Amino acid sequence: MGDLRPRMPGEVVEKPRLTWFDFVITAVALIVGQIDELVGAGSPGLLGRSAVAEVLTLAAGLSLLARRRWPRATTLFVAACHLLAFTPFVFAVMMYTMGVITRTWWQLGVLSVFGVGVQALSAAEGLDPDVRAWAYTLSFALGPLLLGYAAGVRQELVVSLRERAGDLERERDMMAQTARRAERARIAREMHDVVAHRVSNIVVTATALQSVPEAQVPPLRSEVDRIREEGRAALTELRALLGLLNARGAAGERAPLAPQATARDLPALVERMRGVGRMPVELDVTGFPELLPDQTQRAVYRVVQESLTNAVKHAPGAAVRVGVRCAADGVHVTVDNDGPPGGRDAGLPGSGRGLIGLSERVDLLGGEFAASPLPGGGFRVTAVIPPAGRPRAVPPAGVAARPRLTGGEGSS
């Protein structure tokens, strides 16, 4: 019978349009009214059987076309016609309509008294004052009203369930999008950390070979071997990371990465960077970082690795000092470089994601990260990571953590 739900304050409501059902119910009302007139059934109303009463009967039936747009005004008009010309069917339809749009008990009570009163007055002359009269009155007044009330409650419940289902679907889509963005960010961070470092070493070593005199070419076999090993390592790690995109468990779990470097591998990393970057690198480890959880060790390794890669790219030949100190509040990592000799970097391109990725990694473990130039030249990277890797809440989609950067050396 159309959407007659009550609206919330401020809700924009489009005026209801006439439907085929409106015309059907109006036609039925007109036919029933004419049949009552022809057979003389029921009460004649206060006006008796007259031309005016017949006109009011027709008007009451036609007014049903306006019942959804102006339900209260139409109800009052139909009630008046019912008293004057006896139109029980039209009155029952309007009581049903009012039941649909009624939501409070006091409104339902007022409508009940109104409907019973109108119906009792209209039927007073046509029925004997016994139980039949009251049964007739209640059936045409309260029956349609209560049915309409039940239909309205059901209609509102269905709409509420549909809206809830829509909200749940949108929430599920948002969660899926957030998960996909987080997964892409994780993959991008891992690819940058394990591949960009190797490729940078290859480029730096190859660049150094271009400046070697021809007389020294035979001794360069070790440099060529280093390039080959770095290239192989980069390809191996790249394949492992790309396999992450396809190797999914049956339950949709993330595919595990190949074994990753930890704090135990710091001495090997420093030794390799000494040869690749041709720069003095000092490593000072206090405590036992290899006893920390794996995720904390990986974060320590990545901070040192990225800092050394940046030093090779932006400060080739500079002295670098790496400090790793285990304390009660966590592991403290500091990487300083003195800046490139002559103030020139290696001219290698950078994506700008290196330091930002480190900040995000450290922040997810509940740590603190900072990167800034030193007053006398050079650059410093510091990180403090809790020993147990206490995770912080992941920021909302579209809000990424940003490292505290204060200019100077770029990031890879």
Protein backbone atom coordinates (compact mmCIF):
# COMPACT_ATOMS: atom_id res chain seq x y z
CA MET A 1 0.00 0.00 0.00
CA GLY A 2 2.99 2.31 -0.40
CA ASP A 3 5.62 3.62 1.97
CA LEU A 4 3.81 5.34 4.85
CA ARG A 5 6.63 5.17 7.39
CA PRO A 6 7.04 8.17 9.72
CA ARG A 7 10.06 10.26 8.83
CA MET A 8 12.90 11.53 10.97
CA PRO A 9 13.12 15.31 11.55
CA GLY A 10 14.99 16.96 8.70
CA GLU A 11 14.71 13.93 6.41
CA VAL A 12 13.96 14.93 2.85
CA VAL A 13 10.86 13.07 1.72
CA GLU A 14 9.73 12.90 -1.87
CA LYS A 15 5.99 13.37 -2.22
CA PRO A 16 4.39 9.96 -2.73
CA ARG A 17 3.20 9.29 -6.23
CA LEU A 18 -0.04 7.55 -7.11
CA THR A 19 0.34 3.86 -7.79
CA TRP A 20 -1.87 1.30 -9.44
CA PHE A 21 -2.92 0.08 -6.00
CA ASP A 22 -4.26 3.55 -5.13
CA PHE A 23 -6.54 3.43 -8.16
CA VAL A 24 -7.61 -0.15 -7.40
CA ILE A 25 -8.56 0.58 -3.78
CA THR A 26 -10.40 3.75 -4.87
CA ALA A 27 -12.35 1.84 -7.52
CA VAL A 28 -13.29 -0.85 -5.00
CA ALA A 29 -14.49 1.82 -2.55
CA LEU A 30 -16.68 3.44 -5.20
CA ILE A 31 -18.17 0.10 -6.21
CA VAL A 32 -18.89 -0.92 -2.61
CA GLY A 33 -20.51 2.47 -1.95
CA GLN A 34 -22.79 2.15 -4.96
CA ILE A 35 -23.78 -1.38 -3.98
CA ASP A 36 -24.74 -0.16 -0.50
CA GLU A 37 -26.87 2.56 -2.06
CA LEU A 38 -28.58 0.15 -4.46
CA VAL A 39 -29.41 -2.58 -1.96
CA GLY A 40 -30.03 -0.21 0.94
CA ALA A 41 -27.78 -2.14 3.32
CA GLY A 42 -26.56 -0.72 6.60
CA SER A 43 -27.30 2.59 8.29
CA PRO A 44 -28.43 5.47 6.11
CA GLY A 45 -26.23 7.95 8.01
CA LEU A 46 -27.29 11.26 9.54
CA LEU A 47 -28.43 12.62 6.15
CA GLY A 48 -30.46 9.54 5.33
CA ARG A 49 -30.70 8.27 1.81
CA SER A 50 -30.44 11.39 -0.33
CA ALA A 51 -28.61 12.85 -3.28
CA VAL A 52 -26.26 14.69 -0.93
CA ALA A 53 -25.41 11.43 0.84
CA GLU A 54 -24.69 9.78 -2.50
CA VAL A 55 -22.36 12.64 -3.47
CA LEU A 56 -20.56 12.34 -0.14
CA THR A 57 -20.17 8.61 -0.69
CA LEU A 58 -18.50 9.26 -4.05
CA ALA A 59 -16.33 12.02 -2.56
CA ALA A 60 -15.20 9.75 0.28
CA GLY A 61 -14.18 7.05 -2.18
CA LEU A 62 -12.28 9.49 -4.41
CA SER A 63 -10.50 11.01 -1.42
CA LEU A 64 -8.59 7.74 -0.99
CA LEU A 65 -6.34 8.94 -3.81
CA ALA A 66 -4.96 11.53 -1.37
CA ARG A 67 -4.63 9.23 1.65
CA ARG A 68 -0.85 8.80 1.39
CA ARG A 69 -0.03 12.44 0.69
CA TRP A 70 -2.39 13.97 3.28
CA PRO A 71 -3.42 11.08 5.56
CA ARG A 72 -4.68 13.10 8.54
CA ALA A 73 -6.76 15.56 6.54
CA THR A 74 -8.19 12.72 4.46
CA THR A 75 -9.08 10.79 7.64
CA LEU A 76 -11.04 13.74 9.03
CA PHE A 77 -12.87 14.19 5.73
CA VAL A 78 -13.73 10.49 5.48
CA ALA A 79 -14.90 10.45 9.11
CA ALA A 80 -17.29 13.32 8.37
CA CYS A 81 -18.61 11.54 5.27
CA HIS A 82 -19.02 8.37 7.31
CA LEU A 83 -21.13 10.15 9.90
CA LEU A 84 -23.29 11.84 7.28
CA ALA A 85 -23.56 9.21 4.54
CA PHE A 86 -22.32 5.94 6.11
CA THR A 87 -19.15 4.83 4.23
CA PRO A 88 -17.77 1.97 6.38
CA PHE A 89 -15.37 0.55 3.78
CA VAL A 90 -13.67 3.89 3.11
CA PHE A 91 -13.49 4.60 6.84
CA ALA A 92 -11.87 1.19 7.45
CA VAL A 93 -9.25 1.90 4.76
CA MET A 94 -8.37 5.23 6.38
CA MET A 95 -8.14 3.67 9.84
CA TYR A 96 -5.71 1.13 8.39
CA THR A 97 -3.69 3.95 6.81
CA MET A 98 -3.49 5.84 10.08
CA GLY A 99 -2.41 2.66 11.85
CA VAL A 100 0.53 2.32 9.45
CA ILE A 101 1.89 5.81 10.22
CA THR A 102 1.22 5.64 13.98
CA ARG A 103 4.22 4.86 16.20
CA THR A 104 3.31 5.85 19.77
CA TRP A 105 0.80 4.25 22.10
CA TRP A 106 -0.90 7.51 22.98
CA GLN A 107 -1.51 8.24 19.30
CA LEU A 108 -2.88 4.74 18.89
CA GLY A 109 -5.18 5.28 21.87
CA VAL A 110 -6.49 8.59 20.52
CA LEU A 111 -7.15 7.02 17.13
CA SER A 112 -8.93 4.09 18.78
CA VAL A 113 -11.29 6.37 20.70
CA PHE A 114 -11.84 8.49 17.60
CA GLY A 115 -12.54 5.49 15.37
CA VAL A 116 -14.86 3.77 17.83
CA GLY A 117 -16.75 6.99 18.42
CA VAL A 118 -17.26 7.74 14.75
CA GLN A 119 -18.23 4.16 13.95
CA ALA A 120 -20.64 3.95 16.90
CA LEU A 121 -22.41 7.16 15.92
CA SER A 122 -22.67 6.17 12.27
CA ALA A 123 -24.09 2.72 13.09
CA ALA A 124 -26.40 3.81 15.90
CA GLU A 125 -29.50 3.94 13.76
CA GLY A 126 -28.89 0.80 11.74
CA LEU A 127 -28.30 -1.83 14.42
CA ASP A 128 -30.05 -2.92 17.58
CA PRO A 129 -28.32 -1.68 20.75
CA ASP A 130 -26.92 -5.05 21.72
CA VAL A 131 -23.67 -6.93 21.40
CA ARG A 132 -23.97 -7.02 17.61
CA ALA A 133 -23.69 -3.25 17.41
CA TRP A 134 -20.49 -3.17 19.45
CA ALA A 135 -19.00 -6.07 17.51
CA TYR A 136 -19.75 -4.26 14.28
CA THR A 137 -18.30 -1.02 15.64
CA LEU A 138 -15.09 -2.58 16.91
CA SER A 139 -14.52 -4.62 13.76
CA PHE A 140 -14.69 -1.60 11.45
CA ALA A 141 -12.77 0.77 13.77
CA LEU A 142 -10.18 -1.09 15.83
CA GLY A 143 -9.60 -4.00 13.46
CA PRO A 144 -8.19 -1.97 10.53
CA LEU A 145 -6.31 0.34 12.92
CA LEU A 146 -4.48 -2.51 14.65
CA LEU A 147 -3.78 -4.29 11.37
CA GLY A 148 -2.31 -1.10 9.97
CA TYR A 149 -0.21 -0.60 13.08
CA ALA A 150 1.20 -4.13 12.76
CA ALA A 151 1.89 -3.63 9.05
CA GLY A 152 3.67 -0.33 9.76
CA VAL A 153 5.88 -1.90 12.41
CA ARG A 154 6.78 -4.74 10.06
CA GLN A 155 7.51 -2.33 7.20
CA GLU A 156 9.77 -0.24 9.42
CA LEU A 157 11.57 -3.37 10.64
CA VAL A 158 12.20 -4.55 7.08
CA VAL A 159 13.58 -1.15 6.09
CA SER A 160 15.77 -1.08 9.20
CA LEU A 161 17.14 -4.54 8.42
CA ARG A 162 17.88 -3.54 4.84
CA GLU A 163 19.68 -0.41 5.98
CA ARG A 164 21.64 -2.44 8.52
CA ALA A 165 22.59 -4.96 5.85
CA GLY A 166 23.74 -2.11 3.62
CA ASP A 167 25.81 -0.62 6.44
CA LEU A 168 27.40 -4.00 7.15
CA GLU A 169 28.23 -4.48 3.49
CA ARG A 170 29.80 -1.03 3.25
CA GLU A 171 31.73 -1.66 6.46
CA ARG A 172 32.95 -4.99 5.10
CA ASP A 173 34.07 -3.33 1.86
CA MET A 174 35.92 -0.63 3.81
CA MET A 175 37.65 -3.24 5.96
CA ALA A 176 38.64 -5.19 2.85
CA GLN A 177 40.01 -2.04 1.22
CA THR A 178 41.92 -1.15 4.38
CA ALA A 179 43.37 -4.66 4.54
CA ARG A 180 44.39 -4.49 0.88
CA ARG A 181 46.05 -1.11 1.37
CA ALA A 182 47.89 -2.39 4.44
CA GLU A 183 49.03 -5.48 2.55
CA ARG A 184 50.25 -3.41 -0.40
CA ALA A 185 52.11 -1.09 1.98
CA ARG A 186 53.70 -4.09 3.70
CA ILE A 187 54.84 -5.60 0.43
CA ALA A 188 56.16 -2.26 -0.84
CA ARG A 189 58.09 -1.72 2.40
CA GLU A 190 59.63 -5.18 2.30
CA MET A 191 60.56 -4.85 -1.37
CA HIS A 192 62.20 -1.52 -0.72
CA ASP A 193 64.12 -2.78 2.30
CA VAL A 194 65.53 -5.99 0.85
CA VAL A 195 65.88 -5.11 -2.85
CA ALA A 196 66.75 -1.41 -3.00
CA HIS A 197 69.69 -2.02 -0.67
CA ARG A 198 71.15 -4.71 -2.93
CA VAL A 199 70.56 -2.77 -6.14
CA SER A 200 72.17 0.33 -4.64
CA ASN A 201 75.26 -1.71 -3.81
CA ILE A 202 75.41 -2.99 -7.38
CA VAL A 203 75.18 0.50 -8.85
CA VAL A 204 77.78 1.93 -6.46
CA THR A 205 80.24 -0.87 -7.18
CA ALA A 206 79.73 -0.59 -10.95
CA THR A 207 80.22 3.18 -10.77
CA ALA A 208 83.47 2.70 -8.90
CA LEU A 209 84.74 0.36 -11.61
CA GLN A 210 84.39 3.07 -14.25
CA SER A 211 87.08 5.18 -12.58
CA VAL A 212 89.67 2.37 -12.27
CA PRO A 213 92.75 2.66 -14.58
CA GLU A 214 93.12 -0.06 -17.21
CA ALA A 215 96.35 -1.25 -15.58
CA GLN A 216 94.36 -2.31 -12.55
CA VAL A 217 91.69 -4.24 -14.43
CA PRO A 218 92.99 -7.76 -13.61
CA PRO A 219 92.72 -7.25 -9.83
CA LEU A 220 89.07 -6.21 -10.24
CA ARG A 221 87.80 -9.78 -10.35
CA SER A 222 86.78 -9.51 -6.69
CA GLU A 223 84.70 -6.41 -7.47
CA VAL A 224 83.01 -8.22 -10.36
CA ASP A 225 82.30 -11.17 -8.08
CA ARG A 226 80.74 -8.79 -5.56
CA ILE A 227 78.45 -7.36 -8.23
CA ARG A 228 77.41 -10.86 -9.26
CA GLU A 229 76.66 -11.89 -5.69
CA GLU A 230 74.69 -8.74 -4.97
CA GLY A 231 72.67 -9.23 -8.15
CA ARG A 232 71.91 -12.84 -7.31
CA ALA A 233 70.87 -11.92 -3.79
CA ALA A 234 68.61 -9.15 -5.10
CA LEU A 235 66.91 -11.50 -7.57
CA THR A 236 66.44 -14.20 -4.92
CA GLU A 237 64.85 -11.80 -2.46
CA LEU A 238 62.73 -10.21 -5.17
CA ARG A 239 61.35 -13.60 -6.21
CA ALA A 240 60.52 -14.40 -2.59
CA LEU A 241 58.64 -11.14 -2.18
CA LEU A 242 56.78 -11.46 -5.47
CA GLY A 243 55.76 -14.96 -4.43
CA LEU A 244 53.99 -13.30 -1.54
CA LEU A 245 51.40 -12.02 -4.00
CA ASN A 246 50.43 -15.49 -5.20
CA ALA A 247 51.23 -17.96 -2.42
CA ARG A 248 48.13 -17.77 -0.23
CA GLY A 249 46.97 -20.29 2.31
CA ALA A 250 43.59 -21.98 2.06
CA ALA A 251 42.28 -19.71 4.81
CA GLY A 252 43.56 -16.56 3.14
CA GLU A 253 46.52 -16.17 5.49
CA ARG A 254 49.52 -14.14 4.46
CA ALA A 255 52.27 -16.16 2.83
CA PRO A 256 55.44 -16.24 4.94
CA LEU A 257 58.49 -14.42 3.66
CA ALA A 258 61.83 -16.10 3.18
CA PRO A 259 64.05 -15.99 6.30
CA GLN A 260 64.96 -12.36 6.87
CA ALA A 261 68.08 -10.80 8.32
CA THR A 262 68.14 -9.97 12.03
CA ALA A 263 70.49 -8.32 14.50
CA ARG A 264 72.76 -11.36 14.27
CA ASP A 265 73.57 -10.34 10.70
CA LEU A 266 74.72 -6.80 11.52
CA PRO A 267 78.48 -7.61 11.45
CA ALA A 268 78.13 -9.19 7.99
CA LEU A 269 76.11 -6.19 6.79
CA VAL A 270 78.72 -3.72 8.01
CA GLU A 271 81.56 -5.73 6.46
CA ARG A 272 79.77 -5.88 3.11
CA MET A 273 79.08 -2.16 3.12
CA ARG A 274 82.72 -1.40 3.84
CA GLY A 275 83.66 -3.12 0.61
CA VAL A 276 80.77 -1.84 -1.48
CA GLY A 277 80.84 1.78 -0.39
CA ARG A 278 84.62 2.00 0.13
CA MET A 279 83.95 3.85 3.36
CA PRO A 280 84.98 3.22 6.96
CA VAL A 281 82.11 1.85 9.00
CA GLU A 282 82.36 1.33 12.76
CA LEU A 283 79.96 -0.98 14.59
CA ASP A 284 79.50 -0.72 18.35
CA VAL A 285 77.06 -3.20 19.92
CA THR A 286 76.28 -3.02 23.64
CA GLY A 287 74.25 -5.84 25.14
CA PHE A 288 72.73 -8.80 23.35
CA PRO A 289 70.30 -7.62 20.64
CA GLU A 290 70.25 -11.16 19.24
CA LEU A 291 68.15 -12.16 22.26
CA LEU A 292 65.36 -9.74 21.34
CA PRO A 293 62.17 -10.91 19.58
CA ASP A 294 62.59 -11.53 15.86
CA GLN A 295 60.40 -8.60 14.80
CA THR A 296 62.49 -6.24 16.95
CA GLN A 297 65.72 -7.66 15.53
CA ARG A 298 64.43 -7.24 11.98
CA ALA A 299 63.53 -3.62 12.69
CA VAL A 300 67.02 -2.96 14.09
CA TYR A 301 68.60 -4.54 11.03
CA ARG A 302 66.43 -2.54 8.61
CA VAL A 303 67.24 0.75 10.35
CA VAL A 304 70.97 0.09 10.06
CA GLN A 305 70.66 -1.25 6.51
CA GLU A 306 68.65 1.72 5.22
CA SER A 307 70.94 4.20 6.96
CA LEU A 308 74.04 2.62 5.43
CA THR A 309 72.37 2.52 2.01
CA ASN A 310 71.58 6.22 2.28
CA ALA A 311 75.18 6.91 3.30
CA VAL A 312 76.45 5.04 0.24
CA LYS A 313 74.07 6.92 -2.05
CA HIS A 314 74.29 10.41 -0.57
CA ALA A 315 77.62 10.45 1.29
CA PRO A 316 80.00 8.07 -0.55
CA GLY A 317 83.32 7.71 1.21
CA ALA A 318 82.07 9.26 4.46
CA ALA A 319 82.92 7.73 7.81
CA VAL A 320 79.90 6.01 9.35
CA ARG A 321 79.36 5.06 12.98
CA VAL A 322 76.72 2.49 13.89
CA GLY A 323 75.68 2.11 17.51
CA VAL A 324 73.29 -0.52 18.88
CA ARG A 325 72.67 -0.37 22.63
CA CYS A 326 70.28 -2.56 24.60
CA ALA A 327 68.66 -0.80 27.57
CA ALA A 328 65.72 -1.29 29.91
CA ASP A 329 63.41 0.85 27.76
CA GLY A 330 64.39 -0.88 24.53
CA VAL A 331 67.14 -1.08 21.96
CA HIS A 332 68.69 2.24 20.87
CA VAL A 333 70.01 2.46 17.31
CA THR A 334 72.12 5.39 16.11
CA VAL A 335 73.74 5.75 12.68
CA ASP A 336 75.89 8.84 12.02
CA ASN A 337 77.81 9.78 8.89
CA ASP A 338 80.20 12.70 8.39
CA GLY A 339 78.78 13.73 5.05
CA PRO A 340 80.25 13.18 1.57
CA PRO A 341 83.84 14.31 1.05
CA GLY A 342 83.72 17.46 -1.04
CA GLY A 343 79.98 17.79 -0.41
CA ARG A 344 78.97 15.64 -3.42
CA ASP A 345 76.77 12.57 -3.33
CA ALA A 346 76.82 9.57 -5.64
CA GLY A 347 73.97 10.91 -7.75
CA LEU A 348 71.82 7.82 -7.27
CA PRO A 349 68.04 8.28 -7.53
CA GLY A 350 65.82 7.75 -4.50
CA SER A 351 62.12 7.08 -4.08
CA GLY A 352 61.73 9.09 -0.89
CA ARG A 353 60.14 6.07 0.80
CA GLY A 354 63.15 4.78 2.73
CA LEU A 355 63.03 6.87 5.89
CA ILE A 356 59.22 7.02 5.81
CA GLY A 357 59.10 3.23 5.65
CA LEU A 358 61.51 2.97 8.58
CA SER A 359 59.36 5.35 10.61
CA GLU A 360 56.25 3.29 9.90
CA ARG A 361 58.03 0.06 10.82
CA VAL A 362 59.36 1.46 14.11
CA ASP A 363 56.06 3.16 14.94
CA LEU A 364 54.11 -0.09 14.52
CA LEU A 365 56.37 -1.62 17.18
CA GLY A 366 55.66 1.25 19.57
CA GLY A 367 59.06 2.87 19.09
CA GLU A 368 60.36 6.30 18.15
CA PHE A 369 62.22 7.30 15.00
CA ALA A 370 64.05 10.48 13.97
CA ALA A 371 66.34 11.55 11.11
CA SER A 372 68.08 14.90 10.83
CA PRO A 373 71.31 16.55 9.62
CA LEU A 374 74.15 17.09 12.09
CA PRO A 375 75.23 20.66 12.93
CA GLY A 376 78.78 20.14 11.64
CA GLY A 377 77.69 18.29 8.51
CA GLY A 378 76.57 14.76 7.95
CA PHE A 379 73.38 13.00 8.92
CA ARG A 380 72.01 11.10 11.90
CA VAL A 381 69.32 8.44 12.13
CA THR A 382 68.06 7.32 15.54
CA ALA A 383 65.49 4.76 16.61
CA VAL A 384 64.31 3.47 19.97
CA ILE A 385 62.39 0.19 19.80
CA PRO A 386 60.72 -1.41 22.85
CA PRO A 387 62.28 -4.77 23.72
CA ALA A 388 58.97 -6.62 23.39
CA GLY A 389 57.83 -4.72 20.31
CA ARG A 390 54.67 -3.30 21.85
CA PRO A 391 52.45 -2.61 18.81
CA ARG A 392 50.62 0.67 18.47
CA ALA A 393 47.17 1.01 16.99
CA VAL A 394 47.26 1.13 13.20
CA PRO A 395 46.26 4.62 12.01
CA PRO A 396 43.02 4.98 10.00
CA ALA A 397 43.08 4.33 6.26
CA GLY A 398 44.71 7.20 4.44
CA VAL A 399 46.60 8.43 7.56
CA ALA A 400 50.17 7.23 7.54
CA ALA A 401 52.81 7.83 10.16
CA ARG A 402 55.51 10.32 9.20
CA PRO A 403 59.09 10.30 10.48
CA ARG A 404 60.55 13.35 12.14
CA LEU A 405 62.68 14.62 9.27
CA THR A 406 64.43 17.97 9.36
CA GLY A 407 65.94 18.34 5.93
CA GLY A 408 69.40 17.41 4.75
CA GLU A 409 70.20 14.04 3.30
CA GLY A 410 67.48 12.41 1.24
CA SER A 411 66.15 8.93 1.59
CA SER A 412 66.34 6.03 -0.77
